[in-house]
Amino acid sequence: QVQLVESGGGLVQPGGSLRLSCAASGSIFSISAMDWYRQAPGKQRELVAHITSGGSTNYVDSVKGRFTISRDNRKNTVYLQMNSLKPEDTAVYYCNLKLGTLSYWGQGTQVTVSS
């Protein structure tokens, strides 16, 4: 069983930055792909950023150039560095671990971008 714990959310002004962290338990982190999703009120959950076990990354167009996903396999942790934040980035952010048919979710962390 894998547990994922997100942290780092909060309230930030437009143009500000936050770094989200997601710490994983268990022994499969280093061989798993990791994703960050977000869900805004009244909207569907969307994939924001993806990182493979080998470190290749992909982003949704709306965050390209502003967000960076990274991972530290020694710490079993994936990060999402978010810069130049906009009000439309406001959402609950979730990390997800995928390995074959396995999929685990964290509890989510709230990010609010507002002046």
Protein backbone atom coordinates (compact mmCIF):
# COMPACT_ATOMS: atom_id res chain seq x y z
CA GLN A 1 0.00 0.00 0.00
CA VAL A 2 1.21 3.50 -0.86
CA GLN A 3 0.30 6.67 0.98
CA LEU A 4 0.79 10.10 -0.56
CA VAL A 5 0.89 13.26 1.54
CA GLU A 6 0.80 16.67 -0.15
CA SER A 7 1.96 19.89 1.46
CA GLY A 8 2.88 23.43 0.52
CA GLY A 9 -0.45 24.89 -0.49
CA GLY A 10 -1.75 28.22 0.74
CA LEU A 11 -2.85 31.71 -0.16
CA VAL A 12 -0.63 33.71 -2.52
CA GLN A 13 -1.03 36.93 -4.46
CA PRO A 14 -1.14 36.93 -8.25
CA GLY A 15 2.38 36.75 -9.62
CA GLY A 16 3.62 34.90 -6.57
CA SER A 17 5.13 31.44 -6.19
CA LEU A 18 4.50 28.27 -4.25
CA ARG A 19 6.19 24.89 -4.12
CA LEU A 20 4.05 21.84 -3.53
CA SER A 21 5.51 18.60 -2.20
CA CYS A 22 4.13 15.08 -2.26
CA ALA A 23 5.83 12.48 -0.09
CA ALA A 24 5.20 8.81 -0.83
CA SER A 25 5.50 5.81 1.44
CA GLY A 26 6.49 2.38 0.24
CA SER A 27 9.13 1.10 -2.11
CA ILE A 28 7.73 1.67 -5.59
CA PHE A 29 8.14 5.45 -5.87
CA SER A 30 11.35 5.40 -7.91
CA ILE A 31 9.86 3.15 -10.60
CA SER A 32 6.53 4.97 -10.79
CA ALA A 33 5.27 7.84 -12.87
CA MET A 34 3.98 10.77 -10.86
CA ASP A 35 1.34 13.33 -11.76
CA TRP A 36 -0.03 16.55 -10.33
CA TYR A 37 -3.72 17.19 -10.93
CA ARG A 38 -5.93 20.06 -9.88
CA GLN A 39 -9.63 20.56 -9.41
CA ALA A 40 -11.26 23.96 -9.24
CA PRO A 41 -14.78 24.43 -7.83
CA GLY A 42 -17.38 23.28 -10.31
CA LYS A 43 -14.78 21.92 -12.73
CA GLN A 44 -13.42 18.52 -13.60
CA ARG A 45 -10.09 17.37 -12.27
CA GLU A 46 -7.35 18.10 -14.82
CA LEU A 47 -3.84 16.80 -15.29
CA VAL A 48 -1.37 19.62 -14.76
CA ALA A 49 2.06 17.99 -14.91
CA HIS A 50 3.56 14.54 -15.42
CA ILE A 51 6.97 13.07 -14.72
CA THR A 52 8.11 9.60 -15.70
CA SER A 53 10.29 7.37 -13.56
CA GLY A 54 13.16 8.46 -15.79
CA GLY A 55 12.49 12.16 -15.30
CA SER A 56 10.78 13.11 -18.57
CA THR A 57 8.11 15.76 -18.08
CA ASN A 58 4.93 17.02 -19.70
CA TYR A 59 2.62 19.92 -18.85
CA VAL A 60 -0.81 21.18 -19.71
CA ASP A 61 -0.53 24.20 -22.01
CA SER A 62 -1.92 26.64 -19.43
CA VAL A 63 1.04 26.12 -17.06
CA LYS A 64 3.93 25.67 -19.50
CA GLY A 65 6.76 28.02 -18.68
CA ARG A 66 5.36 28.72 -15.20
CA PHE A 67 5.24 25.34 -13.43
CA THR A 68 8.03 22.79 -13.03
CA ILE A 69 7.59 19.22 -11.85
CA SER A 70 10.57 17.40 -10.38
CA ARG A 71 11.28 14.37 -8.24
CA ASP A 72 13.81 13.26 -5.63
CA ASN A 73 13.87 9.47 -5.50
CA ARG A 74 16.11 9.50 -2.41
CA LYS A 75 13.33 11.28 -0.53
CA ASN A 76 10.39 9.55 -2.26
CA THR A 77 9.07 13.02 -3.04
CA VAL A 78 7.70 14.81 -6.09
CA TYR A 79 7.53 18.59 -6.28
CA LEU A 80 5.57 21.17 -8.23
CA GLN A 81 7.22 24.58 -8.40
CA MET A 82 4.58 27.12 -9.38
CA ASN A 83 5.66 30.59 -10.46
CA SER A 84 3.78 33.57 -11.87
CA LEU A 85 0.60 32.29 -10.31
CA LYS A 86 -2.74 33.49 -11.64
CA PRO A 87 -6.20 33.54 -10.05
CA GLU A 88 -7.22 30.79 -12.47
CA ASP A 89 -4.64 28.51 -10.85
CA THR A 90 -6.82 28.42 -7.74
CA ALA A 91 -7.75 24.79 -7.06
CA VAL A 92 -7.14 21.79 -4.88
CA TYR A 93 -3.95 20.14 -6.10
CA TYR A 94 -3.54 16.37 -5.91
CA CYS A 95 -0.59 14.12 -6.56
CA ASN A 96 -1.04 10.73 -8.15
CA LEU A 97 1.28 7.74 -8.39
CA LYS A 98 0.89 5.34 -11.29
CA LEU A 99 2.56 1.98 -11.83
CA GLY A 100 0.89 -0.36 -14.29
CA THR A 101 -2.68 -0.77 -13.07
CA LEU A 102 -1.87 0.72 -9.68
CA SER A 103 -2.99 4.28 -8.97
CA TYR A 104 -2.80 6.11 -5.66
CA TRP A 105 -4.00 9.59 -4.71
CA GLY A 106 -3.08 12.04 -2.02
CA GLN A 107 -5.61 13.99 0.00
CA GLY A 108 -5.02 17.25 -1.83
CA THR A 109 -3.73 20.67 -0.87
CA GLN A 110 -5.56 23.95 -1.47
CA VAL A 111 -3.92 26.66 -3.55
CA THR A 112 -5.64 30.04 -3.60
CA VAL A 113 -4.36 32.87 -5.77
CA SER A 114 -5.98 36.13 -4.80
CA SER A 115 -5.15 39.72 -3.94
